[in-house]
């Protein structure tokens, strides 16, 4: 499991993120992989699965989805996390 902790700007609070090791989907046809992701902060917790066609893709998409979830968390809560995700270098 990968884990990281990011400070909330102007606070002593943290946002904690974790991604499980990729696992094969147990539902037929058993060709997808998924990672379980978790984001925790004071008064907030969200767990979700992210699927991909192989272990690498499920991990990559998990990282991108965590970025989306943290951005949404920041907007709703009106806070800023010190979360330095890699840039959208695909552009």
C-alpha atoms as a PDB file:
ATOM      1  CA  UNK A   1       0.000   0.000   0.000  1.00  0.00           C
ATOM      2  CA  UNK A   2       1.202   3.486  -0.857  1.00  0.00           C
ATOM      3  CA  UNK A   3       0.483   6.215   1.688  1.00  0.00           C
ATOM      4  CA  UNK A   4       1.155   9.926   1.917  1.00  0.00           C
ATOM      5  CA  UNK A   5       0.211  12.768   4.237  1.00  0.00           C
ATOM      6  CA  UNK A   6      -0.232  16.365   3.056  1.00  0.00           C
ATOM      7  CA  UNK A   7      -0.605  19.428   5.305  1.00  0.00           C
ATOM      8  CA  UNK A   8      -3.616  21.695   5.012  1.00  0.00           C
ATOM      9  CA  UNK A   9      -2.378  25.258   4.430  1.00  0.00           C
ATOM     10  CA  UNK A  10      -2.741  27.506   7.474  1.00  0.00           C
ATOM     11  CA  UNK A  11      -3.676  24.604   9.733  1.00  0.00           C
ATOM     12  CA  UNK A  12      -2.170  21.808  11.775  1.00  0.00           C
ATOM     13  CA  UNK A  13      -4.470  19.324   9.989  1.00  0.00           C
ATOM     14  CA  UNK A  14      -3.464  16.827   7.327  1.00  0.00           C
ATOM     15  CA  UNK A  15      -5.041  15.096   4.371  1.00  0.00           C
ATOM     16  CA  UNK A  16      -3.998  11.455   4.221  1.00  0.00           C
ATOM     17  CA  UNK A  17      -4.070   9.502   0.970  1.00  0.00           C
ATOM     18  CA  UNK A  18      -3.570   5.800   0.376  1.00  0.00           C
ATOM     19  CA  UNK A  19      -3.651   3.510  -2.661  1.00  0.00           C
ATOM     20  CA  UNK A  20      -3.722  -0.264  -2.341  1.00  0.00           C
ATOM     21  CA  UNK A  21      -1.617  -2.616  -4.406  1.00  0.00           C
ATOM     22  CA  UNK A  22      -3.457  -3.434  -7.667  1.00  0.00           C
ATOM     23  CA  UNK A  23      -5.714  -6.476  -7.419  1.00  0.00           C
ATOM     24  CA  UNK A  24      -7.446  -8.476 -10.105  1.00  0.00           C
ATOM     25  CA  UNK A  25     -11.204  -7.981 -10.292  1.00  0.00           C
ATOM     26  CA  UNK A  26     -13.003 -11.048  -8.920  1.00  0.00           C
ATOM     27  CA  UNK A  27     -16.036 -10.539 -11.150  1.00  0.00           C
ATOM     28  CA  UNK A  28     -16.134 -12.283 -14.548  1.00  0.00           C
ATOM     29  CA  UNK A  29     -14.398 -12.001 -16.960  1.00  0.00           C
ATOM     30  CA  UNK A  30     -11.524 -11.393 -14.473  1.00  0.00           C
ATOM     31  CA  UNK A  31      -9.577  -9.201 -16.875  1.00  0.00           C
ATOM     32  CA  UNK A  32      -9.650  -5.862 -15.027  1.00  0.00           C
ATOM     33  CA  UNK A  33      -7.475  -4.695 -12.158  1.00  0.00           C
ATOM     34  CA  UNK A  34      -8.354  -2.196  -9.451  1.00  0.00           C
ATOM     35  CA  UNK A  35      -6.805  -0.179  -6.647  1.00  0.00           C
ATOM     36  CA  UNK A  36      -8.689   0.856  -3.543  1.00  0.00           C
ATOM     37  CA  UNK A  37      -8.059   4.515  -2.744  1.00  0.00           C
ATOM     38  CA  UNK A  38      -8.757   6.334   0.500  1.00  0.00           C
ATOM     39  CA  UNK A  39      -8.672  10.027   1.343  1.00  0.00           C
ATOM     40  CA  UNK A  40      -8.993  11.066   4.994  1.00  0.00           C
ATOM     41  CA  UNK A  41      -9.084  14.482   6.629  1.00  0.00           C
ATOM     42  CA  UNK A  42     -10.717  15.905   9.741  1.00  0.00           C
ATOM     43  CA  UNK A  43     -14.476  15.266   9.405  1.00  0.00           C
ATOM     44  CA  UNK A  44     -13.999  13.665   5.986  1.00  0.00           C
ATOM     45  CA  UNK A  45     -13.305  10.205   4.657  1.00  0.00           C
ATOM     46  CA  UNK A  46     -13.799   8.761   1.191  1.00  0.00           C
ATOM     47  CA  UNK A  47     -12.927   5.297  -0.112  1.00  0.00           C
ATOM     48  CA  UNK A  48     -13.297   4.283  -3.744  1.00  0.00           C
ATOM     49  CA  UNK A  49     -12.060   1.695  -6.238  1.00  0.00           C
ATOM     50  CA  UNK A  50     -10.374   2.649  -9.506  1.00  0.00           C
ATOM     51  CA  UNK A  51     -10.239   0.155 -12.375  1.00  0.00           C
ATOM     52  CA  UNK A  52      -7.801  -0.299 -15.238  1.00  0.00           C
ATOM     53  CA  UNK A  53      -6.907  -2.916 -17.815  1.00  0.00           C
ATOM     54  CA  UNK A  54      -3.688  -3.861 -16.030  1.00  0.00           C
ATOM     55  CA  UNK A  55      -1.948  -3.148 -12.706  1.00  0.00           C
ATOM     56  CA  UNK A  56      -0.017  -0.151 -14.050  1.00  0.00           C
ATOM     57  CA  UNK A  57      -3.065   1.532 -15.579  1.00  0.00           C
ATOM     58  CA  UNK A  58      -5.156   1.033 -12.436  1.00  0.00           C
ATOM     59  CA  UNK A  59      -2.397   2.683 -10.371  1.00  0.00           C
ATOM     60  CA  UNK A  60      -1.964   5.561 -12.849  1.00  0.00           C
ATOM     61  CA  UNK A  61      -5.696   6.264 -12.994  1.00  0.00           C
ATOM     62  CA  UNK A  62      -5.857   6.062  -9.185  1.00  0.00           C
ATOM     63  CA  UNK A  63      -3.261   8.831  -8.895  1.00  0.00           C
ATOM     64  CA  UNK A  64      -5.196  10.999 -11.339  1.00  0.00           C
ATOM     65  CA  UNK A  65      -8.525  10.340  -9.581  1.00  0.00           C
ATOM     66  CA  UNK A  66      -7.027  11.227  -6.209  1.00  0.00           C
ATOM     67  CA  UNK A  67      -6.002  14.550  -7.714  1.00  0.00           C
ATOM     68  CA  UNK A  68      -9.606  15.147  -8.844  1.00  0.00           C
ATOM     69  CA  UNK A  69     -10.979  14.161  -5.430  1.00  0.00           C
ATOM     70  CA  UNK A  70      -8.562  16.420  -3.534  1.00  0.00           C
ATOM     71  CA  UNK A  71      -9.382  19.351  -5.841  1.00  0.00           C
ATOM     72  CA  UNK A  72     -13.096  18.823  -5.191  1.00  0.00           C
ATOM     73  CA  UNK A  73     -12.451  18.493  -1.449  1.00  0.00           C
ATOM     74  CA  UNK A  74     -10.578  21.816  -1.489  1.00  0.00           C
ATOM     75  CA  UNK A  75     -13.411  23.579  -3.359  1.00  0.00           C
ATOM     76  CA  UNK A  76     -16.148  22.272  -1.071  1.00  0.00           C
ATOM     77  CA  UNK A  77     -14.210  22.966   2.132  1.00  0.00           C
ATOM     78  CA  UNK A  78     -12.637  26.238   0.995  1.00  0.00           C
ATOM     79  CA  UNK A  79      -9.152  25.080   1.963  1.00  0.00           C
ATOM     80  CA  UNK A  80      -5.855  24.458   0.205  1.00  0.00           C
ATOM     81  CA  UNK A  81      -3.783  21.302   0.597  1.00  0.00           C
ATOM     82  CA  UNK A  82      -0.050  21.270   0.115  1.00  0.00           C
ATOM     83  CA  UNK A  83      -0.478  18.509  -2.481  1.00  0.00           C
ATOM     84  CA  UNK A  84       2.156  18.703  -5.201  1.00  0.00           C
ATOM     85  CA  UNK A  85       0.933  16.263  -7.798  1.00  0.00           C
ATOM     86  CA  UNK A  86       2.842  15.936 -11.023  1.00  0.00           C
ATOM     87  CA  UNK A  87       1.717  18.290 -13.771  1.00  0.00           C
ATOM     88  CA  UNK A  88      -0.449  17.414 -16.751  1.00  0.00           C
ATOM     89  CA  UNK A  89       2.561  16.806 -18.932  1.00  0.00           C
ATOM     90  CA  UNK A  90       0.464  14.968 -21.520  1.00  0.00           C
ATOM     91  CA  UNK A  91      -0.654  18.276 -22.980  1.00  0.00           C
END
